[in-house]
Amino acid sequence: MVYPWLIDAWQQYLHYLVNERLTHAILVSGPPAIGKLEFCRTYVRRMNCTNPDPQGYPCGACDNCHLIKAGTHPDVRFINMEEADRSEQIKVDDIREINRFMALSRQQGQFKVVCINRAHRMNINAANALLKTLEEPPPGSVLFLVSDRAEGLPATIRSRCQIWKFGVPDSTLALHWLQEKAASSAWQDLLGACGGRPLLAWESHDSGLGKMRTTFYEQLHALMTGKETVTGISSRLRNEDPERIVEWLQAWCGDLIRCRFKEHPETIENPDVLESLQNLAQQAILYSLFDCLDRLTDSKRIVSASMNQRLFVENMLVQCQQSLQPPSLQGR
C-alpha cells in the first residue's frame, strides 16, 4: 500500500505500467519525508508481482514480492544513501556496478530494476557514467532516481528521465493519518513545524521539535524588534539541522508576505505565531521579502556537511533581518 496522500499519484502512474507506457528512466522528485521512497518500493514490487490485487497493489505473497521485500531479488536493487551523512557521495564505481547489474539478463522478474535514493548525491563522474545506461538502456530495465533536490542532478540526466513530481501532502489527509496513528492536539503545530511533511512530523513527535520551532520563532521576533542579536541566536542553533532552520525561515518569510497581502489566517503556515507575524508584517518591505525568500531557496540547495554552519545560519538571519529594514539602513 501507499500513503493516503499518494493514492491519486499511484493510480496515475500505475496506468503507465498497465498500458506499457513506462519509460526506462524515472526521476521521482519532491520534498523529503513525504513517502517517495516507499512509493517506489511498492511500485517496484508491483512491476514484478505475479498476482496483483484488484486495486493494482502488489499481492505481497508471491515469490517476487517476498524476495524484493527481503532485498534478495536477483533482478532488483535499491541504493539508499544515509540521510544524516550529507558528505557521502555516490561515486563512479557505484554507478559502474549498477551499469554491470543492469546489463545482466533477467533471472526471475518481468523487469530489471534499480532504485537510487538521494540520487542528487552523484558526483559528476558518477553522473557521466550513468549516462551510458540512460542512452542505451538494456531491454526490460527501469531505473528510478529518487531525489528531494532534483535540480542538483545534471540537466543531461534529468532530460533523459520521465518526471514524477510529488508535492507537500494535503494537510487534511496528513493530519487524519497522524491522528489515526496517535490522537493528539499537537499534530497541527508539529506538522507546520515540519513543513507539512507528515512522516517527519511522526518521526519528530517525541523529539521536542514543536517546542524547538516555537522557541526559534520567539527568538526571531526578538531579533526583528532589537531584543536579540544574530550571533546570540546562531550560537544557540549551532547543533541544529541547518536545512530545517532554512525551512523555518522560508515558512516565516512566506507568512509575512501573506500577512502583507492580508490573506485569510487559514493560509498561514504558522498560525500559533500569527500575532507576531502581523505585527512584523506592518514594517516589512514586500520586495525585500520576496528577495529574501528567493535567497533562502537558493541557500537550501547548498546545505552540506563541509560548510561553516554558524556562518551559514548568521547569513540567513541577516537576510531576514534586512527584509524588515528600509533600504537606507541595509548594509550598515
C-alpha atoms as a PDB file:
ATOM      1  CA  MET A   1       0.000   0.000   0.000  1.00  0.00           C
ATOM      2  CA  VAL A   2       0.975   3.657  -0.307  1.00  0.00           C
ATOM      3  CA  TYR A   3       0.304   6.591   1.994  1.00  0.00           C
ATOM      4  CA  PRO A   4      -3.207   8.066   1.601  1.00  0.00           C
ATOM      5  CA  TRP A   5      -1.948  11.350   0.161  1.00  0.00           C
ATOM      6  CA  LEU A   6      -0.201   9.411  -2.629  1.00  0.00           C
ATOM      7  CA  ILE A   7      -3.154   7.276  -3.736  1.00  0.00           C
ATOM      8  CA  ASP A   8      -4.048   9.578  -6.653  1.00  0.00           C
ATOM      9  CA  ALA A   9      -0.418   9.519  -7.814  1.00  0.00           C
ATOM     10  CA  TRP A  10      -0.428   5.730  -7.516  1.00  0.00           C
ATOM     11  CA  GLN A  11      -3.437   5.404  -9.804  1.00  0.00           C
ATOM     12  CA  GLN A  12      -1.905   7.815 -12.317  1.00  0.00           C
ATOM     13  CA  TYR A  13       1.472   6.099 -12.515  1.00  0.00           C
ATOM     14  CA  LEU A  14       0.043   2.585 -12.328  1.00  0.00           C
ATOM     15  CA  HIS A  15      -1.714   3.476 -15.591  1.00  0.00           C
ATOM     16  CA  TYR A  16       1.731   3.841 -17.198  1.00  0.00           C
ATOM     17  CA  LEU A  17       2.675   0.302 -16.176  1.00  0.00           C
ATOM     18  CA  VAL A  18      -0.616  -1.340 -17.118  1.00  0.00           C
ATOM     19  CA  ASN A  19      -0.674   0.367 -20.516  1.00  0.00           C
ATOM     20  CA  GLU A  20       3.034  -0.290 -21.216  1.00  0.00           C
ATOM     21  CA  ARG A  21       3.932   3.410 -21.185  1.00  0.00           C
ATOM     22  CA  LEU A  22       6.675   3.062 -18.586  1.00  0.00           C
ATOM     23  CA  THR A  23       9.977   4.600 -19.649  1.00  0.00           C
ATOM     24  CA  HIS A  24      13.422   3.196 -18.899  1.00  0.00           C
ATOM     25  CA  ALA A  25      14.356   6.047 -16.520  1.00  0.00           C
ATOM     26  CA  ILE A  26      12.123   7.808 -13.984  1.00  0.00           C
ATOM     27  CA  LEU A  27      13.046  10.762 -11.783  1.00  0.00           C
ATOM     28  CA  VAL A  28      10.873  10.804  -8.653  1.00  0.00           C
ATOM     29  CA  SER A  29      11.174  14.267  -7.131  1.00  0.00           C
ATOM     30  CA  GLY A  30       9.581  16.140  -4.250  1.00  0.00           C
ATOM     31  CA  PRO A  31      10.180  17.260  -0.662  1.00  0.00           C
ATOM     32  CA  PRO A  32      11.765  14.836   1.808  1.00  0.00           C
ATOM     33  CA  ALA A  33       9.677  12.830   4.292  1.00  0.00           C
ATOM     34  CA  ILE A  34       6.508  12.546   2.192  1.00  0.00           C
ATOM     35  CA  GLY A  35       6.847   8.861   1.226  1.00  0.00           C
ATOM     36  CA  LYS A  36       8.582   8.941  -2.175  1.00  0.00           C
ATOM     37  CA  LEU A  37      10.909   6.027  -1.452  1.00  0.00           C
ATOM     38  CA  GLU A  38       8.174   3.813  -0.004  1.00  0.00           C
ATOM     39  CA  PHE A  39       6.040   4.672  -3.048  1.00  0.00           C
ATOM     40  CA  CYS A  40       8.869   3.461  -5.302  1.00  0.00           C
ATOM     41  CA  ARG A  41       9.386   0.300  -3.248  1.00  0.00           C
ATOM     42  CA  THR A  42       5.707  -0.561  -3.609  1.00  0.00           C
ATOM     43  CA  TYR A  43       5.754   0.291  -7.309  1.00  0.00           C
ATOM     44  CA  VAL A  44       8.816  -1.894  -7.931  1.00  0.00           C
ATOM     45  CA  ARG A  45       7.112  -4.805  -6.162  1.00  0.00           C
ATOM     46  CA  ARG A  46       4.051  -4.240  -8.350  1.00  0.00           C
ATOM     47  CA  MET A  47       6.191  -4.249 -11.501  1.00  0.00           C
ATOM     48  CA  ASN A  48       7.343  -7.801 -10.808  1.00  0.00           C
ATOM     49  CA  CYS A  49       4.322  -9.091  -8.846  1.00  0.00           C
ATOM     50  CA  THR A  50       2.704 -12.167 -10.399  1.00  0.00           C
ATOM     51  CA  ASN A  51      -0.667 -11.738  -8.665  1.00  0.00           C
ATOM     52  CA  PRO A  52      -1.570  -8.061  -8.026  1.00  0.00           C
ATOM     53  CA  ASP A  53      -4.766  -7.344  -6.087  1.00  0.00           C
ATOM     54  CA  PRO A  54      -7.886  -5.779  -7.687  1.00  0.00           C
ATOM     55  CA  GLN A  55      -6.743  -2.249  -6.685  1.00  0.00           C
ATOM     56  CA  GLY A  56      -3.470  -2.759  -8.514  1.00  0.00           C
ATOM     57  CA  TYR A  57      -1.258  -3.173  -5.453  1.00  0.00           C
ATOM     58  CA  PRO A  58       1.355  -5.958  -5.186  1.00  0.00           C
ATOM     59  CA  CYS A  59      -0.015  -9.073  -3.541  1.00  0.00           C
ATOM     60  CA  GLY A  60       2.815  -9.342  -1.012  1.00  0.00           C
ATOM     61  CA  ALA A  61       2.593 -13.135  -1.155  1.00  0.00           C
ATOM     62  CA  CYS A  62       4.224 -14.246  -4.423  1.00  0.00           C
ATOM     63  CA  ASP A  63       7.905 -15.184  -4.655  1.00  0.00           C
ATOM     64  CA  ASN A  64       8.850 -11.908  -6.321  1.00  0.00           C
ATOM     65  CA  CYS A  65       7.134  -9.817  -3.626  1.00  0.00           C
ATOM     66  CA  HIS A  66       8.846 -11.782  -0.851  1.00  0.00           C
ATOM     67  CA  LEU A  67      12.283 -11.555  -2.462  1.00  0.00           C
ATOM     68  CA  ILE A  68      12.026  -7.813  -3.160  1.00  0.00           C
ATOM     69  CA  LYS A  69      10.863  -7.099   0.382  1.00  0.00           C
ATOM     70  CA  ALA A  70      13.752  -9.156   1.751  1.00  0.00           C
ATOM     71  CA  GLY A  71      16.237  -7.386  -0.521  1.00  0.00           C
ATOM     72  CA  THR A  72      17.306 -10.627  -2.192  1.00  0.00           C
ATOM     73  CA  HIS A  73      15.564 -10.453  -5.579  1.00  0.00           C
ATOM     74  CA  PRO A  74      18.130 -11.181  -8.332  1.00  0.00           C
ATOM     75  CA  ASP A  75      16.658  -8.520 -10.657  1.00  0.00           C
ATOM     76  CA  VAL A  76      16.030  -5.665  -8.200  1.00  0.00           C
ATOM     77  CA  ARG A  77      18.457  -3.454  -6.346  1.00  0.00           C
ATOM     78  CA  PHE A  78      17.915  -0.456  -4.030  1.00  0.00           C
ATOM     79  CA  ILE A  79      20.709   2.036  -3.367  1.00  0.00           C
ATOM     80  CA  ASN A  80      19.909   4.072  -0.247  1.00  0.00           C
ATOM     81  CA  MET A  81      22.290   6.832   0.842  1.00  0.00           C
ATOM     82  CA  GLU A  82      22.186   7.735   4.527  1.00  0.00           C
ATOM     83  CA  GLU A  83      20.313  10.993   5.155  1.00  0.00           C
ATOM     84  CA  ALA A  84      22.439  12.023   8.138  1.00  0.00           C
ATOM     85  CA  ASP A  85      25.746  11.997   6.244  1.00  0.00           C
ATOM     86  CA  ARG A  86      25.473  14.825   3.721  1.00  0.00           C
ATOM     87  CA  SER A  87      29.126  14.438   2.759  1.00  0.00           C
ATOM     88  CA  GLU A  88      28.546  10.927   1.410  1.00  0.00           C
ATOM     89  CA  GLN A  89      28.553  10.824  -2.380  1.00  0.00           C
ATOM     90  CA  ILE A  90      27.505   8.293  -4.971  1.00  0.00           C
ATOM     91  CA  LYS A  91      30.795   7.617  -6.719  1.00  0.00           C
ATOM     92  CA  VAL A  92      31.660   6.434 -10.191  1.00  0.00           C
ATOM     93  CA  ASP A  93      32.466   2.893  -9.010  1.00  0.00           C
ATOM     94  CA  ASP A  94      28.966   2.631  -7.511  1.00  0.00           C
ATOM     95  CA  ILE A  95      27.423   3.563 -10.858  1.00  0.00           C
ATOM     96  CA  ARG A  96      29.687   1.217 -12.812  1.00  0.00           C
ATOM     97  CA  GLU A  97      28.464  -1.619 -10.607  1.00  0.00           C
ATOM     98  CA  ILE A  98      24.868  -0.563 -11.318  1.00  0.00           C
ATOM     99  CA  ASN A  99      25.605  -0.480 -15.055  1.00  0.00           C
ATOM    100  CA  ARG A 100      27.009  -4.019 -14.884  1.00  0.00           C
ATOM    101  CA  PHE A 101      23.961  -5.183 -12.939  1.00  0.00           C
ATOM    102  CA  MET A 102      21.534  -3.604 -15.417  1.00  0.00           C
ATOM    103  CA  ALA A 103      23.323  -5.234 -18.353  1.00  0.00           C
ATOM    104  CA  LEU A 104      22.760  -8.746 -16.959  1.00  0.00           C
ATOM    105  CA  SER A 105      19.862 -10.803 -18.298  1.00  0.00           C
ATOM    106  CA  ARG A 106      16.749 -11.020 -16.140  1.00  0.00           C
ATOM    107  CA  GLN A 107      16.625 -14.148 -13.998  1.00  0.00           C
ATOM    108  CA  GLN A 108      13.162 -14.099 -12.451  1.00  0.00           C
ATOM    109  CA  GLY A 109      11.269 -10.816 -12.744  1.00  0.00           C
ATOM    110  CA  GLN A 110       9.497  -9.147 -15.623  1.00  0.00           C
ATOM    111  CA  PHE A 111      11.699  -6.074 -15.133  1.00  0.00           C
ATOM    112  CA  LYS A 112      15.293  -5.420 -14.167  1.00  0.00           C
ATOM    113  CA  VAL A 113      15.055  -2.513 -11.709  1.00  0.00           C
ATOM    114  CA  VAL A 114      17.461  -0.255  -9.834  1.00  0.00           C
ATOM    115  CA  CYS A 115      16.207   2.436  -7.456  1.00  0.00           C
ATOM    116  CA  ILE A 116      18.725   5.061  -6.287  1.00  0.00           C
ATOM    117  CA  ASN A 117      17.590   7.138  -3.322  1.00  0.00           C
ATOM    118  CA  ARG A 118      19.052  10.648  -2.889  1.00  0.00           C
ATOM    119  CA  ALA A 119      20.300  10.480  -6.458  1.00  0.00           C
ATOM    120  CA  HIS A 120      21.437  14.116  -6.284  1.00  0.00           C
ATOM    121  CA  ARG A 121      24.466  12.869  -4.354  1.00  0.00           C
ATOM    122  CA  MET A 122      26.043  11.534  -7.520  1.00  0.00           C
ATOM    123  CA  ASN A 123      29.306  13.308  -8.213  1.00  0.00           C
ATOM    124  CA  ILE A 124      29.985  14.473 -11.762  1.00  0.00           C
ATOM    125  CA  ASN A 125      31.954  11.356 -12.722  1.00  0.00           C
ATOM    126  CA  ALA A 126      29.175   9.104 -11.450  1.00  0.00           C
ATOM    127  CA  ALA A 127      26.571  11.089 -13.393  1.00  0.00           C
ATOM    128  CA  ASN A 128      28.619  10.799 -16.576  1.00  0.00           C
ATOM    129  CA  ALA A 129      28.945   7.045 -16.055  1.00  0.00           C
ATOM    130  CA  LEU A 130      25.179   6.728 -15.644  1.00  0.00           C
ATOM    131  CA  LEU A 131      24.565   8.451 -18.978  1.00  0.00           C
ATOM    132  CA  LYS A 132      25.683   5.328 -20.852  1.00  0.00           C
ATOM    133  CA  THR A 133      22.862   3.281 -19.332  1.00  0.00           C
ATOM    134  CA  LEU A 134      20.364   6.098 -19.885  1.00  0.00           C
ATOM    135  CA  GLU A 135      21.351   6.469 -23.535  1.00  0.00           C
ATOM    136  CA  GLU A 136      21.465   2.727 -24.253  1.00  0.00           C
ATOM    137  CA  PRO A 137      19.089   1.111 -21.729  1.00  0.00           C
ATOM    138  CA  PRO A 138      19.078  -2.692 -21.689  1.00  0.00           C
ATOM    139  CA  PRO A 139      15.710  -4.190 -22.721  1.00  0.00           C
ATOM    140  CA  GLY A 140      13.305  -4.621 -19.807  1.00  0.00           C
ATOM    141  CA  SER A 141      15.313  -2.395 -17.470  1.00  0.00           C
ATOM    142  CA  VAL A 142      13.956   0.525 -15.437  1.00  0.00           C
ATOM    143  CA  LEU A 143      15.975   2.978 -13.356  1.00  0.00           C
ATOM    144  CA  PHE A 144      14.339   5.035 -10.601  1.00  0.00           C
ATOM    145  CA  LEU A 145      16.173   8.138  -9.370  1.00  0.00           C
ATOM    146  CA  VAL A 146      14.618   9.439  -6.142  1.00  0.00           C
ATOM    147  CA  SER A 147      15.566  12.929  -5.024  1.00  0.00           C
ATOM    148  CA  ASP A 148      14.365  15.860  -2.934  1.00  0.00           C
ATOM    149  CA  ARG A 149      16.843  18.057  -4.825  1.00  0.00           C
ATOM    150  CA  ALA A 150      16.239  17.161  -8.439  1.00  0.00           C
ATOM    151  CA  GLU A 151      17.797  20.444  -9.537  1.00  0.00           C
ATOM    152  CA  GLY A 152      21.082  19.087  -8.151  1.00  0.00           C
ATOM    153  CA  LEU A 153      21.173  16.460 -10.898  1.00  0.00           C
ATOM    154  CA  PRO A 154      22.853  17.402 -14.196  1.00  0.00           C
ATOM    155  CA  ALA A 155      20.482  18.530 -16.941  1.00  0.00           C
ATOM    156  CA  THR A 156      21.792  15.689 -19.113  1.00  0.00           C
ATOM    157  CA  ILE A 157      20.409  13.221 -16.549  1.00  0.00           C
ATOM    158  CA  ARG A 158      17.083  14.987 -15.963  1.00  0.00           C
ATOM    159  CA  SER A 159      16.352  15.349 -19.674  1.00  0.00           C
ATOM    160  CA  ARG A 160      16.533  11.584 -20.168  1.00  0.00           C
ATOM    161  CA  CYS A 161      14.046  10.790 -17.406  1.00  0.00           C
ATOM    162  CA  GLN A 162      10.305  10.752 -17.127  1.00  0.00           C
ATOM    163  CA  ILE A 163       9.484  13.107 -14.234  1.00  0.00           C
ATOM    164  CA  TRP A 164       7.181  12.011 -11.419  1.00  0.00           C
ATOM    165  CA  LYS A 165       6.809  15.062  -9.210  1.00  0.00           C
ATOM    166  CA  PHE A 166       5.254  14.908  -5.743  1.00  0.00           C
ATOM    167  CA  GLY A 167       4.340  17.871  -3.556  1.00  0.00           C
ATOM    168  CA  VAL A 168       3.647  18.501   0.116  1.00  0.00           C
ATOM    169  CA  PRO A 169       0.533  16.471   1.038  1.00  0.00           C
ATOM    170  CA  ASP A 170      -2.873  17.997   1.605  1.00  0.00           C
ATOM    171  CA  SER A 171      -2.887  18.957   5.288  1.00  0.00           C
ATOM    172  CA  THR A 172      -6.306  17.380   5.926  1.00  0.00           C
ATOM    173  CA  LEU A 173      -5.104  13.978   4.712  1.00  0.00           C
ATOM    174  CA  ALA A 174      -1.822  14.327   6.578  1.00  0.00           C
ATOM    175  CA  LEU A 175      -3.498  15.305   9.860  1.00  0.00           C
ATOM    176  CA  HIS A 176      -6.041  12.486   9.550  1.00  0.00           C
ATOM    177  CA  TRP A 177      -3.223   9.970   9.057  1.00  0.00           C
ATOM    178  CA  LEU A 178      -1.316  11.329  12.073  1.00  0.00           C
ATOM    179  CA  GLN A 179      -4.424  11.315  14.276  1.00  0.00           C
ATOM    180  CA  GLU A 180      -5.117   7.713  13.301  1.00  0.00           C
ATOM    181  CA  LYS A 181      -1.609   6.736  14.374  1.00  0.00           C
ATOM    182  CA  ALA A 182      -1.836   8.613  17.689  1.00  0.00           C
ATOM    183  CA  ALA A 183      -4.552  11.055  18.743  1.00  0.00           C
ATOM    184  CA  SER A 184      -3.068  14.394  19.786  1.00  0.00           C
ATOM    185  CA  SER A 185      -3.991  18.077  19.746  1.00  0.00           C
ATOM    186  CA  ALA A 186      -0.376  18.949  18.886  1.00  0.00           C
ATOM    187  CA  TRP A 187      -0.277  17.486  15.387  1.00  0.00           C
ATOM    188  CA  GLN A 188      -1.280  20.651  13.527  1.00  0.00           C
ATOM    189  CA  ASP A 189       1.507  22.734  15.063  1.00  0.00           C
ATOM    190  CA  LEU A 190       4.033  19.930  14.643  1.00  0.00           C
ATOM    191  CA  LEU A 191       3.010  19.379  11.028  1.00  0.00           C
ATOM    192  CA  GLY A 192       3.576  23.084  10.446  1.00  0.00           C
ATOM    193  CA  ALA A 193       6.962  22.850  12.146  1.00  0.00           C
ATOM    194  CA  CYS A 194       7.852  20.061   9.734  1.00  0.00           C
ATOM    195  CA  GLY A 195       6.856  21.973   6.615  1.00  0.00           C
ATOM    196  CA  GLY A 196       3.693  19.941   6.100  1.00  0.00           C
ATOM    197  CA  ARG A 197       5.587  16.648   5.838  1.00  0.00           C
ATOM    198  CA  PRO A 198       3.699  14.015   7.854  1.00  0.00           C
ATOM    199  CA  LEU A 199       6.468  11.415   8.023  1.00  0.00           C
ATOM    200  CA  LEU A 200       8.840  13.939   9.565  1.00  0.00           C
ATOM    201  CA  ALA A 201       6.099  15.030  11.971  1.00  0.00           C
ATOM    202  CA  TRP A 202       5.588  11.415  13.028  1.00  0.00           C
ATOM    203  CA  GLU A 203       9.306  10.809  13.499  1.00  0.00           C
ATOM    204  CA  SER A 204       9.637  14.045  15.479  1.00  0.00           C
ATOM    205  CA  HIS A 205       6.589  13.861  17.745  1.00  0.00           C
ATOM    206  CA  ASP A 206       8.616  12.745  20.759  1.00  0.00           C
ATOM    207  CA  SER A 207      11.708  14.820  19.996  1.00  0.00           C
ATOM    208  CA  GLY A 208      10.509  18.228  21.167  1.00  0.00           C
ATOM    209  CA  LEU A 209      10.706  19.624  17.637  1.00  0.00           C
ATOM    210  CA  GLY A 210       7.486  21.601  18.024  1.00  0.00           C
ATOM    211  CA  LYS A 211       8.789  23.370  21.125  1.00  0.00           C
ATOM    212  CA  MET A 212      12.116  23.984  19.390  1.00  0.00           C
ATOM    213  CA  ARG A 213      10.326  25.661  16.485  1.00  0.00           C
ATOM    214  CA  THR A 214       8.238  27.850  18.800  1.00  0.00           C
ATOM    215  CA  THR A 215      11.369  28.948  20.665  1.00  0.00           C
ATOM    216  CA  PHE A 216      13.089  29.720  17.363  1.00  0.00           C
ATOM    217  CA  TYR A 217      10.237  31.960  16.204  1.00  0.00           C
ATOM    218  CA  GLU A 218      10.240  33.733  19.570  1.00  0.00           C
ATOM    219  CA  GLN A 219      13.966  34.405  19.145  1.00  0.00           C
ATOM    220  CA  LEU A 220      13.383  35.547  15.572  1.00  0.00           C
ATOM    221  CA  HIS A 221      10.736  38.020  16.734  1.00  0.00           C
ATOM    222  CA  ALA A 222      13.158  39.298  19.379  1.00  0.00           C
ATOM    223  CA  LEU A 223      15.821  39.746  16.689  1.00  0.00           C
ATOM    224  CA  MET A 224      13.467  41.727  14.483  1.00  0.00           C
ATOM    225  CA  THR A 225      12.473  44.002  17.376  1.00  0.00           C
ATOM    226  CA  GLY A 226      16.046  44.674  18.510  1.00  0.00           C
ATOM    227  CA  LYS A 227      15.935  42.499  21.624  1.00  0.00           C
ATOM    228  CA  GLU A 228      18.224  39.749  20.324  1.00  0.00           C
ATOM    229  CA  THR A 229      21.370  39.519  18.206  1.00  0.00           C
ATOM    230  CA  VAL A 230      22.253  37.426  15.181  1.00  0.00           C
ATOM    231  CA  THR A 231      25.315  35.957  16.907  1.00  0.00           C
ATOM    232  CA  GLY A 232      23.302  35.160  20.023  1.00  0.00           C
ATOM    233  CA  ILE A 233      20.746  33.157  18.069  1.00  0.00           C
ATOM    234  CA  SER A 234      23.303  31.415  15.847  1.00  0.00           C
ATOM    235  CA  SER A 235      25.321  30.272  18.865  1.00  0.00           C
ATOM    236  CA  ARG A 236      22.241  28.581  20.332  1.00  0.00           C
ATOM    237  CA  LEU A 237      21.494  26.930  16.987  1.00  0.00           C
ATOM    238  CA  ARG A 238      24.993  25.564  16.406  1.00  0.00           C
ATOM    239  CA  ASN A 239      23.889  21.936  16.862  1.00  0.00           C
ATOM    240  CA  GLU A 240      20.627  22.177  14.928  1.00  0.00           C
ATOM    241  CA  ASP A 241      19.982  20.978  11.383  1.00  0.00           C
ATOM    242  CA  PRO A 242      20.704  23.992   9.111  1.00  0.00           C
ATOM    243  CA  GLU A 243      18.324  22.721   6.452  1.00  0.00           C
ATOM    244  CA  ARG A 244      15.486  22.705   8.980  1.00  0.00           C
ATOM    245  CA  ILE A 245      16.373  26.254  10.043  1.00  0.00           C
ATOM    246  CA  VAL A 246      16.201  27.405   6.416  1.00  0.00           C
ATOM    247  CA  GLU A 247      12.793  25.726   6.063  1.00  0.00           C
ATOM    248  CA  TRP A 248      11.502  27.529   9.161  1.00  0.00           C
ATOM    249  CA  LEU A 249      12.811  30.818   7.801  1.00  0.00           C
ATOM    250  CA  GLN A 250      11.153  30.120   4.440  1.00  0.00           C
ATOM    251  CA  ALA A 251       7.823  29.476   6.176  1.00  0.00           C
ATOM    252  CA  TRP A 252       8.239  32.623   8.296  1.00  0.00           C
ATOM    253  CA  CYS A 253       9.079  34.760   5.268  1.00  0.00           C
ATOM    254  CA  GLY A 254       6.173  33.309   3.279  1.00  0.00           C
ATOM    255  CA  ASP A 255       3.797  34.022   6.158  1.00  0.00           C
ATOM    256  CA  LEU A 256       4.975  37.644   6.345  1.00  0.00           C
ATOM    257  CA  ILE A 257       4.177  38.015   2.642  1.00  0.00           C
ATOM    258  CA  ARG A 258       0.699  36.555   3.200  1.00  0.00           C
ATOM    259  CA  CYS A 259       0.130  38.914   6.114  1.00  0.00           C
ATOM    260  CA  ARG A 260       1.209  41.886   3.982  1.00  0.00           C
ATOM    261  CA  PHE A 261      -1.403  40.871   1.415  1.00  0.00           C
ATOM    262  CA  LYS A 262      -3.906  40.431   4.266  1.00  0.00           C
ATOM    263  CA  GLU A 263      -4.663  36.859   3.237  1.00  0.00           C
ATOM    264  CA  HIS A 264      -7.048  34.730   5.293  1.00  0.00           C
ATOM    265  CA  PRO A 265      -5.470  33.403   8.527  1.00  0.00           C
ATOM    266  CA  GLU A 266      -6.145  29.820   7.378  1.00  0.00           C
ATOM    267  CA  THR A 267      -3.450  30.247   4.706  1.00  0.00           C
ATOM    268  CA  ILE A 268      -0.772  30.966   7.337  1.00  0.00           C
ATOM    269  CA  GLU A 269       1.681  28.104   7.861  1.00  0.00           C
ATOM    270  CA  ASN A 270       2.445  29.130  11.441  1.00  0.00           C
ATOM    271  CA  PRO A 271      -0.880  30.196  12.961  1.00  0.00           C
ATOM    272  CA  ASP A 272       0.445  29.895  16.515  1.00  0.00           C
ATOM    273  CA  VAL A 273       2.668  32.967  15.932  1.00  0.00           C
ATOM    274  CA  LEU A 274       0.121  34.889  13.849  1.00  0.00           C
ATOM    275  CA  GLU A 275       0.117  37.939  16.136  1.00  0.00           C
ATOM    276  CA  SER A 276       3.898  38.256  15.874  1.00  0.00           C
ATOM    277  CA  LEU A 277       3.721  37.869  12.092  1.00  0.00           C
ATOM    278  CA  GLN A 278       1.024  40.509  11.728  1.00  0.00           C
ATOM    279  CA  ASN A 279       2.993  42.994  13.822  1.00  0.00           C
ATOM    280  CA  LEU A 280       6.219  42.411  11.892  1.00  0.00           C
ATOM    281  CA  ALA A 281       4.430  42.486   8.532  1.00  0.00           C
ATOM    282  CA  GLN A 282       3.475  46.114   9.117  1.00  0.00           C
ATOM    283  CA  GLN A 283       7.132  47.141   8.859  1.00  0.00           C
ATOM    284  CA  ALA A 284       8.164  44.576   6.247  1.00  0.00           C
ATOM    285  CA  ILE A 285       9.295  45.645   2.777  1.00  0.00           C
ATOM    286  CA  LEU A 286       7.446  43.486   0.277  1.00  0.00           C
ATOM    287  CA  TYR A 287      10.059  43.316  -2.479  1.00  0.00           C
ATOM    288  CA  SER A 288      12.724  42.597   0.160  1.00  0.00           C
ATOM    289  CA  LEU A 289      10.634  39.713   1.493  1.00  0.00           C
ATOM    290  CA  PHE A 290      10.386  38.179  -1.977  1.00  0.00           C
ATOM    291  CA  ASP A 291      14.129  38.663  -2.459  1.00  0.00           C
ATOM    292  CA  CYS A 292      14.798  37.074   0.923  1.00  0.00           C
ATOM    293  CA  LEU A 293      12.588  34.096   0.060  1.00  0.00           C
ATOM    294  CA  ASP A 294      14.492  33.580  -3.196  1.00  0.00           C
ATOM    295  CA  ARG A 295      17.817  33.730  -1.351  1.00  0.00           C
ATOM    296  CA  LEU A 296      16.626  31.217   1.234  1.00  0.00           C
ATOM    297  CA  THR A 297      15.555  28.847  -1.544  1.00  0.00           C
ATOM    298  CA  ASP A 298      18.979  29.166  -3.185  1.00  0.00           C
ATOM    299  CA  SER A 299      20.728  28.667   0.156  1.00  0.00           C
ATOM    300  CA  LYS A 300      18.856  25.449   0.876  1.00  0.00           C
ATOM    301  CA  ARG A 301      20.375  23.916  -2.249  1.00  0.00           C
ATOM    302  CA  ILE A 302      23.920  24.336  -0.938  1.00  0.00           C
ATOM    303  CA  VAL A 303      23.492  22.931   2.574  1.00  0.00           C
ATOM    304  CA  SER A 304      26.329  20.468   3.131  1.00  0.00           C
ATOM    305  CA  ALA A 305      28.330  18.863   5.904  1.00  0.00           C
ATOM    306  CA  SER A 306      31.504  20.738   4.922  1.00  0.00           C
ATOM    307  CA  MET A 307      30.155  24.275   5.336  1.00  0.00           C
ATOM    308  CA  ASN A 308      30.632  26.604   8.317  1.00  0.00           C
ATOM    309  CA  GLN A 309      27.207  26.064   9.856  1.00  0.00           C
ATOM    310  CA  ARG A 310      27.258  29.024  12.239  1.00  0.00           C
ATOM    311  CA  LEU A 311      28.285  31.447   9.484  1.00  0.00           C
ATOM    312  CA  PHE A 312      25.619  29.977   7.200  1.00  0.00           C
ATOM    313  CA  VAL A 313      22.867  30.497   9.799  1.00  0.00           C
ATOM    314  CA  GLU A 314      24.070  34.019  10.582  1.00  0.00           C
ATOM    315  CA  ASN A 315      23.923  34.913   6.888  1.00  0.00           C
ATOM    316  CA  MET A 316      20.339  33.642   6.664  1.00  0.00           C
ATOM    317  CA  LEU A 317      19.293  35.591   9.751  1.00  0.00           C
ATOM    318  CA  VAL A 318      20.861  38.799   8.429  1.00  0.00           C
ATOM    319  CA  GLN A 319      18.988  38.419   5.142  1.00  0.00           C
ATOM    320  CA  CYS A 320      15.712  38.036   7.023  1.00  0.00           C
ATOM    321  CA  GLN A 321      16.564  40.994   9.238  1.00  0.00           C
ATOM    322  CA  GLN A 322      17.205  43.188   6.197  1.00  0.00           C
ATOM    323  CA  SER A 323      13.771  42.382   4.770  1.00  0.00           C
ATOM    324  CA  LEU A 324      12.316  44.442   7.618  1.00  0.00           C
ATOM    325  CA  GLN A 325      14.694  47.389   7.207  1.00  0.00           C
ATOM    326  CA  PRO A 326      14.375  50.326   4.809  1.00  0.00           C
ATOM    327  CA  PRO A 327      16.988  50.253   2.004  1.00  0.00           C
ATOM    328  CA  SER A 328      18.841  53.227   3.530  1.00  0.00           C
ATOM    329  CA  LEU A 329      19.696  51.151   6.614  1.00  0.00           C
ATOM    330  CA  GLN A 330      20.624  47.894   4.879  1.00  0.00           C
ATOM    331  CA  GLY A 331      24.310  47.077   4.940  1.00  0.00           C
ATOM    332  CA  ARG A 332      25.094  49.439   7.821  1.00  0.00           C
END
